[in-house]
PDB file of N, CA and C in Angstrom:
ATOM      1  N   UNK A   1     -26.352  -3.641  22.120  1.00  0.00           N
ATOM      2  CA  UNK A   1     -25.640  -2.291  22.362  1.00  0.00           C
ATOM      3  C   UNK A   1     -24.254  -2.398  22.647  1.00  0.00           C
ATOM      4  N   UNK A   2     -23.751  -3.800  22.898  1.00  0.00           N
ATOM      5  CA  UNK A   2     -22.401  -4.067  23.276  1.00  0.00           C
ATOM      6  C   UNK A   2     -21.501  -3.732  22.160  1.00  0.00           C
ATOM      7  N   UNK A   3     -21.812  -3.668  20.804  1.00  0.00           N
ATOM      8  CA  UNK A   3     -21.087  -3.342  19.675  1.00  0.00           C
ATOM      9  C   UNK A   3     -21.125  -1.862  19.338  1.00  0.00           C
ATOM     10  N   UNK A   4     -22.003  -1.127  19.884  1.00  0.00           N
ATOM     11  CA  UNK A   4     -22.176   0.410  19.298  1.00  0.00           C
ATOM     12  C   UNK A   4     -20.813   0.910  19.425  1.00  0.00           C
ATOM     13  N   UNK A   5     -20.124   1.216  20.642  1.00  0.00           N
ATOM     14  CA  UNK A   5     -18.849   1.958  20.882  1.00  0.00           C
ATOM     15  C   UNK A   5     -17.700   1.409  20.067  1.00  0.00           C
ATOM     16  N   UNK A   6     -17.599  -0.009  19.961  1.00  0.00           N
ATOM     17  CA  UNK A   6     -16.651  -0.539  19.061  1.00  0.00           C
ATOM     18  C   UNK A   6     -16.757  -0.311  17.672  1.00  0.00           C
ATOM     19  N   UNK A   7     -17.946  -0.473  17.062  1.00  0.00           N
ATOM     20  CA  UNK A   7     -18.093  -0.085  15.652  1.00  0.00           C
ATOM     21  C   UNK A   7     -18.029   1.258  15.399  1.00  0.00           C
ATOM     22  N   UNK A   8     -18.379   2.211  16.325  1.00  0.00           N
ATOM     23  CA  UNK A   8     -18.105   3.581  16.087  1.00  0.00           C
ATOM     24  C   UNK A   8     -16.623   3.851  15.966  1.00  0.00           C
ATOM     25  N   UNK A   9     -15.880   3.352  16.864  1.00  0.00           N
ATOM     26  CA  UNK A   9     -14.266   3.561  16.879  1.00  0.00           C
ATOM     27  C   UNK A   9     -13.632   2.935  15.574  1.00  0.00           C
ATOM     28  N   UNK A  10     -14.218   1.886  15.081  1.00  0.00           N
ATOM     29  CA  UNK A  10     -13.669   1.146  13.978  1.00  0.00           C
ATOM     30  C   UNK A  10     -14.020   1.887  12.643  1.00  0.00           C
ATOM     31  N   UNK A  11     -15.316   2.400  12.773  1.00  0.00           N
ATOM     32  CA  UNK A  11     -15.587   3.415  11.494  1.00  0.00           C
ATOM     33  C   UNK A  11     -14.882   4.629  11.457  1.00  0.00           C
ATOM     34  N   UNK A  12     -14.480   5.345  12.791  1.00  0.00           N
ATOM     35  CA  UNK A  12     -13.764   6.465  12.916  1.00  0.00           C
ATOM     36  C   UNK A  12     -12.373   6.186  12.224  1.00  0.00           C
ATOM     37  N   UNK A  13     -11.627   5.239  12.833  1.00  0.00           N
ATOM     38  CA  UNK A  13     -10.381   4.872  12.509  1.00  0.00           C
ATOM     39  C   UNK A  13     -10.341   4.448  11.018  1.00  0.00           C
ATOM     40  N   UNK A  14     -11.266   3.942  10.461  1.00  0.00           N
ATOM     41  CA  UNK A  14     -11.024   3.435   8.938  1.00  0.00           C
ATOM     42  C   UNK A  14     -11.386   4.594   7.906  1.00  0.00           C
ATOM     43  N   UNK A  15     -12.035   5.737   8.667  1.00  0.00           N
ATOM     44  CA  UNK A  15     -12.368   6.835   7.559  1.00  0.00           C
ATOM     45  C   UNK A  15     -11.594   7.984   7.731  1.00  0.00           C
ATOM     46  N   UNK A  16     -10.523   7.906   8.751  1.00  0.00           N
ATOM     47  CA  UNK A  16      -9.709   9.198   8.927  1.00  0.00           C
ATOM     48  C   UNK A  16      -8.974   9.589   7.709  1.00  0.00           C
ATOM     49  N   UNK A  17      -8.616   8.726   6.850  1.00  0.00           N
ATOM     50  CA  UNK A  17      -7.832   9.158   5.615  1.00  0.00           C
ATOM     51  C   UNK A  17      -8.585   9.261   4.406  1.00  0.00           C
ATOM     52  N   UNK A  18     -10.046   9.155   4.445  1.00  0.00           N
ATOM     53  CA  UNK A  18     -10.801   9.229   3.282  1.00  0.00           C
ATOM     54  C   UNK A  18     -10.607  10.724   2.696  1.00  0.00           C
ATOM     55  N   UNK A  19     -10.394  10.822   1.384  1.00  0.00           N
ATOM     56  CA  UNK A  19     -10.269  11.973   0.644  1.00  0.00           C
ATOM     57  C   UNK A  19      -8.817  12.421   0.564  1.00  0.00           C
ATOM     58  N   UNK A  20      -7.886  11.877   1.196  1.00  0.00           N
ATOM     59  CA  UNK A  20      -6.575  12.129   1.165  1.00  0.00           C
ATOM     60  C   UNK A  20      -5.772  10.985   0.410  1.00  0.00           C
ATOM     61  N   UNK A  21      -4.734  11.427  -0.283  1.00  0.00           N
ATOM     62  CA  UNK A  21      -3.916  10.482  -0.749  1.00  0.00           C
ATOM     63  C   UNK A  21      -2.872   9.797   0.007  1.00  0.00           C
ATOM     64  N   UNK A  22      -2.269   8.715  -0.385  1.00  0.00           N
ATOM     65  CA  UNK A  22      -1.340   8.156   0.244  1.00  0.00           C
ATOM     66  C   UNK A  22      -0.112   8.954   0.531  1.00  0.00           C
ATOM     67  N   UNK A  23       0.539   8.900   1.633  1.00  0.00           N
ATOM     68  CA  UNK A  23       1.705   9.668   1.845  1.00  0.00           C
ATOM     69  C   UNK A  23       2.805   8.730   2.083  1.00  0.00           C
ATOM     70  N   UNK A  24       4.013   9.186   1.352  1.00  0.00           N
ATOM     71  CA  UNK A  24       5.298   8.234   1.456  1.00  0.00           C
ATOM     72  C   UNK A  24       6.517   9.128   1.715  1.00  0.00           C
ATOM     73  N   UNK A  25       7.443   8.502   2.251  1.00  0.00           N
ATOM     74  CA  UNK A  25       8.825   9.214   2.270  1.00  0.00           C
ATOM     75  C   UNK A  25       9.394   9.324   0.905  1.00  0.00           C
ATOM     76  N   UNK A  26      10.103  10.553   0.604  1.00  0.00           N
ATOM     77  CA  UNK A  26      10.493  10.698  -0.677  1.00  0.00           C
ATOM     78  C   UNK A  26      11.942  11.326  -0.502  1.00  0.00           C
ATOM     79  N   UNK A  27      12.989  10.463  -0.910  1.00  0.00           N
ATOM     80  CA  UNK A  27      14.446  10.835  -0.842  1.00  0.00           C
ATOM     81  C   UNK A  27      15.219   9.824  -1.641  1.00  0.00           C
ATOM     82  N   UNK A  28      16.424  10.123  -1.779  1.00  0.00           N
ATOM     83  CA  UNK A  28      17.454   9.293  -2.290  1.00  0.00           C
ATOM     84  C   UNK A  28      18.781   9.624  -1.739  1.00  0.00           C
ATOM     85  N   UNK A  29      19.079   8.676  -0.720  1.00  0.00           N
ATOM     86  CA  UNK A  29      20.314   8.933  -0.065  1.00  0.00           C
ATOM     87  C   UNK A  29      21.120   7.686   0.363  1.00  0.00           C
ATOM     88  N   UNK A  30      22.244   7.890   0.931  1.00  0.00           N
ATOM     89  CA  UNK A  30      23.148   6.800   1.370  1.00  0.00           C
ATOM     90  C   UNK A  30      23.098   6.545   2.795  1.00  0.00           C
ATOM     91  N   UNK A  31      22.334   7.443   3.661  1.00  0.00           N
ATOM     92  CA  UNK A  31      22.290   7.384   5.061  1.00  0.00           C
ATOM     93  C   UNK A  31      21.198   6.443   5.680  1.00  0.00           C
ATOM     94  N   UNK A  32      19.968   6.181   4.877  1.00  0.00           N
ATOM     95  CA  UNK A  32      18.936   5.552   5.286  1.00  0.00           C
ATOM     96  C   UNK A  32      17.883   6.209   6.006  1.00  0.00           C
ATOM     97  N   UNK A  33      18.218   7.562   6.327  1.00  0.00           N
ATOM     98  CA  UNK A  33      17.345   8.449   7.022  1.00  0.00           C
ATOM     99  C   UNK A  33      16.611   9.280   6.066  1.00  0.00           C
ATOM    100  N   UNK A  34      15.374   9.430   6.183  1.00  0.00           N
ATOM    101  CA  UNK A  34      14.449  10.202   5.331  1.00  0.00           C
ATOM    102  C   UNK A  34      13.647  10.950   6.182  1.00  0.00           C
ATOM    103  N   UNK A  35      13.229  12.236   5.861  1.00  0.00           N
ATOM    104  CA  UNK A  35      12.367  13.042   6.707  1.00  0.00           C
ATOM    105  C   UNK A  35      11.419  13.814   5.721  1.00  0.00           C
ATOM    106  N   UNK A  36      11.638  13.782   4.300  1.00  0.00           N
ATOM    107  CA  UNK A  36      10.929  14.480   3.581  1.00  0.00           C
ATOM    108  C   UNK A  36       9.497  13.556   3.136  1.00  0.00           C
ATOM    109  N   UNK A  37       8.444  14.011   3.337  1.00  0.00           N
ATOM    110  CA  UNK A  37       7.144  13.401   3.098  1.00  0.00           C
ATOM    111  C   UNK A  37       6.442  13.971   1.931  1.00  0.00           C
ATOM    112  N   UNK A  38       5.749  13.136   1.066  1.00  0.00           N
ATOM    113  CA  UNK A  38       5.237  13.383  -0.072  1.00  0.00           C
ATOM    114  C   UNK A  38       3.827  12.717  -0.172  1.00  0.00           C
ATOM    115  N   UNK A  39       2.867  13.663  -0.569  1.00  0.00           N
ATOM    116  CA  UNK A  39       1.476  13.145  -0.774  1.00  0.00           C
ATOM    117  C   UNK A  39       1.495  12.605  -2.365  1.00  0.00           C
ATOM    118  N   UNK A  40       1.159  11.277  -2.440  1.00  0.00           N
ATOM    119  CA  UNK A  40       1.144  10.743  -3.879  1.00  0.00           C
ATOM    120  C   UNK A  40      -0.239  11.150  -4.300  1.00  0.00           C
ATOM    121  N   UNK A  41      -0.168  11.248  -5.733  1.00  0.00           N
ATOM    122  CA  UNK A  41      -1.234  11.545  -6.520  1.00  0.00           C
ATOM    123  C   UNK A  41      -1.798  10.448  -7.096  1.00  0.00           C
ATOM    124  N   UNK A  42      -1.328   9.996  -8.287  1.00  0.00           N
ATOM    125  CA  UNK A  42      -1.865   8.851  -8.945  1.00  0.00           C
ATOM    126  C   UNK A  42      -1.234   7.420  -8.439  1.00  0.00           C
ATOM    127  N   UNK A  43      -0.308   7.325  -7.594  1.00  0.00           N
ATOM    128  CA  UNK A  43       0.457   6.397  -7.151  1.00  0.00           C
ATOM    129  C   UNK A  43      -0.482   5.721  -5.994  1.00  0.00           C
ATOM    130  N   UNK A  44      -0.384   4.465  -5.881  1.00  0.00           N
ATOM    131  CA  UNK A  44      -1.270   3.707  -4.879  1.00  0.00           C
ATOM    132  C   UNK A  44      -0.353   2.905  -3.941  1.00  0.00           C
ATOM    133  N   UNK A  45       1.117   3.267  -3.943  1.00  0.00           N
ATOM    134  CA  UNK A  45       1.993   2.473  -3.134  1.00  0.00           C
ATOM    135  C   UNK A  45       3.269   3.283  -2.878  1.00  0.00           C
ATOM    136  N   UNK A  46       4.007   2.832  -1.921  1.00  0.00           N
ATOM    137  CA  UNK A  46       5.274   3.415  -1.634  1.00  0.00           C
ATOM    138  C   UNK A  46       6.247   2.480  -1.808  1.00  0.00           C
ATOM    139  N   UNK A  47       7.470   2.828  -2.326  1.00  0.00           N
ATOM    140  CA  UNK A  47       8.482   1.960  -2.388  1.00  0.00           C
ATOM    141  C   UNK A  47       9.759   2.346  -1.577  1.00  0.00           C
ATOM    142  N   UNK A  48      10.571   1.292  -1.217  1.00  0.00           N
ATOM    143  CA  UNK A  48      11.888   1.531  -0.529  1.00  0.00           C
ATOM    144  C   UNK A  48      12.788   0.642  -1.374  1.00  0.00           C
ATOM    145  N   UNK A  49      13.624   1.240  -2.240  1.00  0.00           N
ATOM    146  CA  UNK A  49      14.580   0.405  -3.137  1.00  0.00           C
ATOM    147  C   UNK A  49      16.022   0.811  -2.803  1.00  0.00           C
ATOM    148  N   UNK A  50      16.661  -0.356  -2.277  1.00  0.00           N
ATOM    149  CA  UNK A  50      18.083  -0.115  -1.853  1.00  0.00           C
ATOM    150  C   UNK A  50      19.001  -0.843  -2.875  1.00  0.00           C
ATOM    151  N   UNK A  51      19.895  -0.062  -3.442  1.00  0.00           N
ATOM    152  CA  UNK A  51      21.032  -0.548  -4.100  1.00  0.00           C
ATOM    153  C   UNK A  51      22.083  -1.240  -3.247  1.00  0.00           C
ATOM    154  N   UNK A  52      22.621  -2.467  -3.752  1.00  0.00           N
ATOM    155  CA  UNK A  52      23.584  -3.159  -2.821  1.00  0.00           C
ATOM    156  C   UNK A  52      24.763  -2.267  -2.685  1.00  0.00           C
ATOM    157  N   UNK A  53      25.204  -2.061  -1.404  1.00  0.00           N
ATOM    158  CA  UNK A  53      26.091  -1.213  -1.122  1.00  0.00           C
ATOM    159  C   UNK A  53      26.120   0.146  -1.354  1.00  0.00           C
ATOM    160  N   UNK A  54      25.028   0.631  -1.688  1.00  0.00           N
ATOM    161  CA  UNK A  54      24.783   2.094  -2.195  1.00  0.00           C
ATOM    162  C   UNK A  54      23.610   2.663  -1.514  1.00  0.00           C
ATOM    163  N   UNK A  55      22.974   3.583  -2.198  1.00  0.00           N
ATOM    164  CA  UNK A  55      21.882   4.377  -1.663  1.00  0.00           C
ATOM    165  C   UNK A  55      20.503   3.796  -1.697  1.00  0.00           C
ATOM    166  N   UNK A  56      19.740   4.265  -1.045  1.00  0.00           N
ATOM    167  CA  UNK A  56      18.240   3.981  -0.885  1.00  0.00           C
ATOM    168  C   UNK A  56      17.341   4.925  -1.508  1.00  0.00           C
ATOM    169  N   UNK A  57      16.327   4.713  -2.322  1.00  0.00           N
ATOM    170  CA  UNK A  57      15.531   5.390  -2.970  1.00  0.00           C
ATOM    171  C   UNK A  57      14.055   5.142  -2.326  1.00  0.00           C
ATOM    172  N   UNK A  58      13.411   6.237  -1.825  1.00  0.00           N
ATOM    173  CA  UNK A  58      12.083   6.153  -1.345  1.00  0.00           C
ATOM    174  C   UNK A  58      11.192   7.116  -2.012  1.00  0.00           C
ATOM    175  N   UNK A  59      10.153   6.631  -2.385  1.00  0.00           N
ATOM    176  CA  UNK A  59       9.159   7.498  -3.251  1.00  0.00           C
ATOM    177  C   UNK A  59       7.614   6.715  -3.470  1.00  0.00           C
ATOM    178  N   UNK A  60       6.751   7.459  -4.110  1.00  0.00           N
ATOM    179  CA  UNK A  60       5.733   6.901  -4.250  1.00  0.00           C
ATOM    180  C   UNK A  60       5.855   6.257  -5.670  1.00  0.00           C
ATOM    181  N   UNK A  61       4.859   5.227  -5.974  1.00  0.00           N
ATOM    182  CA  UNK A  61       4.897   4.578  -7.109  1.00  0.00           C
ATOM    183  C   UNK A  61       3.536   3.673  -7.253  1.00  0.00           C
ATOM    184  N   UNK A  62       3.258   3.369  -8.519  1.00  0.00           N
ATOM    185  CA  UNK A  62       2.193   2.397  -8.714  1.00  0.00           C
ATOM    186  C   UNK A  62       2.379   1.199  -8.492  1.00  0.00           C
ATOM    187  N   UNK A  63       1.449   0.480  -7.726  1.00  0.00           N
ATOM    188  CA  UNK A  63       1.642  -0.928  -7.241  1.00  0.00           C
ATOM    189  C   UNK A  63       2.085  -1.978  -8.513  1.00  0.00           C
ATOM    190  N   UNK A  64       1.511  -1.549  -9.605  1.00  0.00           N
ATOM    191  CA  UNK A  64       1.643  -2.412 -10.910  1.00  0.00           C
ATOM    192  C   UNK A  64       3.114  -2.364 -11.191  1.00  0.00           C
ATOM    193  N   UNK A  65       3.713  -1.316 -10.878  1.00  0.00           N
ATOM    194  CA  UNK A  65       5.266  -1.050 -11.213  1.00  0.00           C
ATOM    195  C   UNK A  65       6.177  -1.891 -10.384  1.00  0.00           C
ATOM    196  N   UNK A  66       5.721  -2.391  -9.231  1.00  0.00           N
ATOM    197  CA  UNK A  66       6.435  -3.060  -8.151  1.00  0.00           C
ATOM    198  C   UNK A  66       6.852  -4.448  -8.434  1.00  0.00           C
ATOM    199  N   UNK A  67       7.666  -4.562  -9.520  1.00  0.00           N
ATOM    200  CA  UNK A  67       8.119  -5.976  -9.948  1.00  0.00           C
ATOM    201  C   UNK A  67       9.623  -5.681 -10.400  1.00  0.00           C
ATOM    202  N   UNK A  68      10.656  -6.693 -10.298  1.00  0.00           N
ATOM    203  CA  UNK A  68      12.009  -6.408 -10.485  1.00  0.00           C
ATOM    204  C   UNK A  68      12.281  -5.849 -12.037  1.00  0.00           C
ATOM    205  N   UNK A  69      11.383  -6.530 -12.860  1.00  0.00           N
ATOM    206  CA  UNK A  69      11.696  -6.135 -14.364  1.00  0.00           C
ATOM    207  C   UNK A  69      11.387  -4.732 -14.622  1.00  0.00           C
ATOM    208  N   UNK A  70      10.290  -4.193 -14.149  1.00  0.00           N
ATOM    209  CA  UNK A  70       9.669  -2.809 -14.236  1.00  0.00           C
ATOM    210  C   UNK A  70      10.668  -1.919 -13.732  1.00  0.00           C
ATOM    211  N   UNK A  71      10.995  -2.321 -12.534  1.00  0.00           N
ATOM    212  CA  UNK A  71      12.004  -1.207 -11.632  1.00  0.00           C
ATOM    213  C   UNK A  71      13.390  -1.194 -12.286  1.00  0.00           C
ATOM    214  N   UNK A  72      13.620  -2.281 -12.986  1.00  0.00           N
ATOM    215  CA  UNK A  72      15.050  -2.094 -13.683  1.00  0.00           C
ATOM    216  C   UNK A  72      14.950  -1.259 -14.622  1.00  0.00           C
ATOM    217  N   UNK A  73      13.732  -1.216 -15.377  1.00  0.00           N
ATOM    218  CA  UNK A  73      13.547  -0.139 -16.597  1.00  0.00           C
ATOM    219  C   UNK A  73      13.489   1.315 -15.801  1.00  0.00           C
ATOM    220  N   UNK A  74      12.729   1.485 -14.829  1.00  0.00           N
ATOM    221  CA  UNK A  74      12.594   2.682 -14.109  1.00  0.00           C
ATOM    222  C   UNK A  74      13.899   3.294 -13.536  1.00  0.00           C
ATOM    223  N   UNK A  75      14.856   2.621 -13.090  1.00  0.00           N
ATOM    224  CA  UNK A  75      16.114   2.944 -12.436  1.00  0.00           C
ATOM    225  C   UNK A  75      17.227   2.204 -13.157  1.00  0.00           C
ATOM    226  N   UNK A  76      17.505   2.638 -14.439  1.00  0.00           N
ATOM    227  CA  UNK A  76      18.508   2.043 -15.085  1.00  0.00           C
ATOM    228  C   UNK A  76      19.972   2.121 -14.578  1.00  0.00           C
ATOM    229  N   UNK A  77      20.101   3.165 -13.758  1.00  0.00           N
ATOM    230  CA  UNK A  77      21.428   3.311 -13.215  1.00  0.00           C
ATOM    231  C   UNK A  77      21.795   2.536 -12.068  1.00  0.00           C
ATOM    232  N   UNK A  78      20.716   1.872 -11.461  1.00  0.00           N
ATOM    233  CA  UNK A  78      20.938   0.982 -10.331  1.00  0.00           C
ATOM    234  C   UNK A  78      20.794  -0.465 -10.753  1.00  0.00           C
ATOM    235  N   UNK A  79      21.937  -1.051 -10.867  1.00  0.00           N
ATOM    236  CA  UNK A  79      22.124  -2.427 -11.225  1.00  0.00           C
ATOM    237  C   UNK A  79      21.789  -3.502 -10.463  1.00  0.00           C
ATOM    238  N   UNK A  80      21.928  -3.589  -9.181  1.00  0.00           N
ATOM    239  CA  UNK A  80      21.555  -4.717  -8.336  1.00  0.00           C
ATOM    240  C   UNK A  80      20.945  -4.235  -7.149  1.00  0.00           C
ATOM    241  N   UNK A  81      19.771  -4.463  -6.872  1.00  0.00           N
ATOM    242  CA  UNK A  81      18.914  -3.821  -5.878  1.00  0.00           C
ATOM    243  C   UNK A  81      17.911  -4.844  -5.147  1.00  0.00           C
ATOM    244  N   UNK A  82      17.450  -4.508  -3.950  1.00  0.00           N
ATOM    245  CA  UNK A  82      16.305  -5.217  -3.419  1.00  0.00           C
ATOM    246  C   UNK A  82      15.153  -4.027  -3.287  1.00  0.00           C
ATOM    247  N   UNK A  83      14.026  -4.307  -3.224  1.00  0.00           N
ATOM    248  CA  UNK A  83      12.896  -3.402  -2.925  1.00  0.00           C
ATOM    249  C   UNK A  83      11.778  -4.030  -2.220  1.00  0.00           C
ATOM    250  N   UNK A  84      10.983  -3.073  -1.583  1.00  0.00           N
ATOM    251  CA  UNK A  84       9.752  -3.429  -0.917  1.00  0.00           C
ATOM    252  C   UNK A  84       8.648  -2.409  -1.127  1.00  0.00           C
ATOM    253  N   UNK A  85       7.597  -2.742  -1.624  1.00  0.00           N
ATOM    254  CA  UNK A  85       6.464  -2.008  -1.878  1.00  0.00           C
ATOM    255  C   UNK A  85       5.295  -2.119  -0.955  1.00  0.00           C
ATOM    256  N   UNK A  86       4.694  -1.095  -0.605  1.00  0.00           N
ATOM    257  CA  UNK A  86       3.769  -1.161   0.585  1.00  0.00           C
ATOM    258  C   UNK A  86       2.512  -0.125   0.492  1.00  0.00           C
ATOM    259  N   UNK A  87       1.421  -0.222   1.127  1.00  0.00           N
ATOM    260  CA  UNK A  87       0.391   0.609   0.746  1.00  0.00           C
ATOM    261  C   UNK A  87      -0.219   1.321   1.905  1.00  0.00           C
ATOM    262  N   UNK A  88       0.393   1.564   2.856  1.00  0.00           N
ATOM    263  CA  UNK A  88       0.007   2.328   3.980  1.00  0.00           C
ATOM    264  C   UNK A  88       0.842   3.549   4.097  1.00  0.00           C
ATOM    265  N   UNK A  89       0.422   4.619   4.891  1.00  0.00           N
ATOM    266  CA  UNK A  89       1.042   5.935   4.859  1.00  0.00           C
ATOM    267  C   UNK A  89       2.496   5.716   5.640  1.00  0.00           C
ATOM    268  N   UNK A  90       3.390   6.372   4.845  1.00  0.00           N
ATOM    269  CA  UNK A  90       4.775   6.482   5.537  1.00  0.00           C
ATOM    270  C   UNK A  90       5.263   4.985   5.700  1.00  0.00           C
ATOM    271  N   UNK A  91       4.750   3.931   5.036  1.00  0.00           N
ATOM    272  CA  UNK A  91       5.417   2.695   5.072  1.00  0.00           C
ATOM    273  C   UNK A  91       6.751   2.316   4.536  1.00  0.00           C
ATOM    274  N   UNK A  92       7.332   3.234   3.925  1.00  0.00           N
ATOM    275  CA  UNK A  92       8.597   3.120   3.334  1.00  0.00           C
ATOM    276  C   UNK A  92       9.575   3.677   4.172  1.00  0.00           C
ATOM    277  N   UNK A  93       9.448   3.771   5.366  1.00  0.00           N
ATOM    278  CA  UNK A  93      10.658   4.366   6.087  1.00  0.00           C
ATOM    279  C   UNK A  93      11.656   3.307   6.511  1.00  0.00           C
ATOM    280  N   UNK A  94      12.730   3.527   7.106  1.00  0.00           N
ATOM    281  CA  UNK A  94      13.754   2.648   7.509  1.00  0.00           C
ATOM    282  C   UNK A  94      13.136   1.644   8.533  1.00  0.00           C
ATOM    283  N   UNK A  95      12.310   1.996   9.345  1.00  0.00           N
ATOM    284  CA  UNK A  95      11.642   1.066  10.285  1.00  0.00           C
ATOM    285  C   UNK A  95      10.153   0.603   9.779  1.00  0.00           C
ATOM    286  N   UNK A  96      10.010   0.402   8.492  1.00  0.00           N
ATOM    287  CA  UNK A  96       8.734   0.270   7.945  1.00  0.00           C
ATOM    288  C   UNK A  96       8.014  -1.187   8.502  1.00  0.00           C
ATOM    289  N   UNK A  97       8.641  -2.074   9.129  1.00  0.00           N
ATOM    290  CA  UNK A  97       8.011  -3.170   9.564  1.00  0.00           C
ATOM    291  C   UNK A  97       7.004  -2.902  10.527  1.00  0.00           C
ATOM    292  N   UNK A  98       7.089  -2.019  11.445  1.00  0.00           N
ATOM    293  CA  UNK A  98       5.941  -1.681  12.252  1.00  0.00           C
ATOM    294  C   UNK A  98       5.048  -0.865  11.746  1.00  0.00           C
ATOM    295  N   UNK A  99       5.188  -0.012  10.782  1.00  0.00           N
ATOM    296  CA  UNK A  99       4.238   0.790  10.235  1.00  0.00           C
ATOM    297  C   UNK A  99       3.441   0.084   9.120  1.00  0.00           C
ATOM    298  N   UNK A 100       4.027  -0.823   8.449  1.00  0.00           N
ATOM    299  CA  UNK A 100       3.293  -1.645   7.309  1.00  0.00           C
ATOM    300  C   UNK A 100       2.303  -2.672   8.127  1.00  0.00           C
ATOM    301  N   UNK A 101       2.434  -2.824   9.430  1.00  0.00           N
ATOM    302  CA  UNK A 101       1.399  -3.804   9.900  1.00  0.00           C
ATOM    303  C   UNK A 101       0.174  -3.174  10.467  1.00  0.00           C
ATOM    304  N   UNK A 102       0.146  -1.792  10.391  1.00  0.00           N
ATOM    305  CA  UNK A 102      -1.094  -1.100  10.910  1.00  0.00           C
ATOM    306  C   UNK A 102      -2.355  -1.397  10.065  1.00  0.00           C
ATOM    307  N   UNK A 103      -2.452  -1.493   8.748  1.00  0.00           N
ATOM    308  CA  UNK A 103      -3.545  -1.883   8.015  1.00  0.00           C
ATOM    309  C   UNK A 103      -4.036  -3.358   8.405  1.00  0.00           C
ATOM    310  N   UNK A 104      -3.373  -4.223   8.203  1.00  0.00           N
ATOM    311  CA  UNK A 104      -3.792  -5.559   8.439  1.00  0.00           C
ATOM    312  C   UNK A 104      -4.127  -5.899   9.877  1.00  0.00           C
ATOM    313  N   UNK A 105      -3.666  -5.117  10.840  1.00  0.00           N
ATOM    314  CA  UNK A 105      -4.102  -5.322  12.250  1.00  0.00           C
ATOM    315  C   UNK A 105      -5.331  -4.647  12.414  1.00  0.00           C
ATOM    316  N   UNK A 106      -5.553  -3.458  11.787  1.00  0.00           N
ATOM    317  CA  UNK A 106      -6.882  -2.871  11.672  1.00  0.00           C
ATOM    318  C   UNK A 106      -7.991  -3.622  11.126  1.00  0.00           C
ATOM    319  N   UNK A 107      -7.713  -4.370  10.057  1.00  0.00           N
ATOM    320  CA  UNK A 107      -8.704  -5.293   9.391  1.00  0.00           C
ATOM    321  C   UNK A 107      -8.961  -6.475  10.318  1.00  0.00           C
ATOM    322  N   UNK A 108      -7.839  -6.939  11.033  1.00  0.00           N
ATOM    323  CA  UNK A 108      -8.182  -8.065  11.913  1.00  0.00           C
ATOM    324  C   UNK A 108      -9.066  -7.571  13.142  1.00  0.00           C
ATOM    325  N   UNK A 109      -8.951  -6.599  13.516  1.00  0.00           N
ATOM    326  CA  UNK A 109      -9.598  -6.144  14.624  1.00  0.00           C
ATOM    327  C   UNK A 109     -11.168  -5.884  14.211  1.00  0.00           C
ATOM    328  N   UNK A 110     -11.208  -5.390  12.999  1.00  0.00           N
ATOM    329  CA  UNK A 110     -12.609  -5.279  12.479  1.00  0.00           C
ATOM    330  C   UNK A 110     -13.259  -6.578  12.276  1.00  0.00           C
ATOM    331  N   UNK A 111     -12.667  -7.617  11.839  1.00  0.00           N
ATOM    332  CA  UNK A 111     -13.172  -9.081  11.497  1.00  0.00           C
ATOM    333  C   UNK A 111     -13.430  -9.581  13.107  1.00  0.00           C
ATOM    334  N   UNK A 112     -12.662  -9.473  13.834  1.00  0.00           N
ATOM    335  CA  UNK A 112     -12.833  -9.927  15.253  1.00  0.00           C
ATOM    336  C   UNK A 112     -14.218  -9.332  15.829  1.00  0.00           C
ATOM    337  N   UNK A 113     -14.254  -8.079  15.899  1.00  0.00           N
ATOM    338  CA  UNK A 113     -15.235  -7.247  16.268  1.00  0.00           C
ATOM    339  C   UNK A 113     -16.617  -7.772  15.626  1.00  0.00           C
ATOM    340  N   UNK A 114     -16.612  -7.766  14.244  1.00  0.00           N
ATOM    341  CA  UNK A 114     -17.778  -8.279  13.610  1.00  0.00           C
ATOM    342  C   UNK A 114     -18.244  -9.752  14.247  1.00  0.00           C
ATOM    343  N   UNK A 115     -17.397 -10.617  14.439  1.00  0.00           N
ATOM    344  CA  UNK A 115     -17.522 -12.068  15.084  1.00  0.00           C
ATOM    345  C   UNK A 115     -18.257 -11.781  16.254  1.00  0.00           C
ATOM    346  N   UNK A 116     -17.583 -10.846  17.172  1.00  0.00           N
ATOM    347  CA  UNK A 116     -18.145 -10.774  18.663  1.00  0.00           C
ATOM    348  C   UNK A 116     -19.409 -10.357  18.478  1.00  0.00           C
ATOM    349  N   UNK A 117     -19.813  -9.175  17.624  1.00  0.00           N
ATOM    350  CA  UNK A 117     -20.990  -8.589  17.562  1.00  0.00           C
ATOM    351  C   UNK A 117     -22.012  -9.656  17.123  1.00  0.00           C
ATOM    352  N   UNK A 118     -21.645 -10.661  16.321  1.00  0.00           N
ATOM    353  CA  UNK A 118     -22.593 -11.425  15.841  1.00  0.00           C
ATOM    354  C   UNK A 118     -23.166 -12.531  16.849  1.00  0.00           C
ATOM    355  N   UNK A 119     -22.186 -12.812  17.781  1.00  0.00           N
ATOM    356  CA  UNK A 119     -22.394 -13.976  18.739  1.00  0.00           C
ATOM    357  C   UNK A 119     -23.397 -13.321  19.814  1.00  0.00           C
TER     358      UNK A 119
END
């Protein structure tokens, strides 16, 4: 019974977002701040695309479109840019490093809990 509460908590945390789509920040600005939140429909990823010396674009996107060649076609007005795609809620914020680590940490906790229960 030592694993009962831990497994219950893991299952609850893992199913909180079932039935809901991914949410991403959606904006195009020069300040780096974005407060508009958009629930994605068919997209499975968030993107933060930064033009060198210019604006940052944040929105929902298909993960299969997250490559330099495809993005160059999708954003022809942006000539030189860097980008980052991620797959957790609101991971395309300006402080995305901490938000993007949530899913891998939850996965690691689940694996460790499984090993601990097995022993």
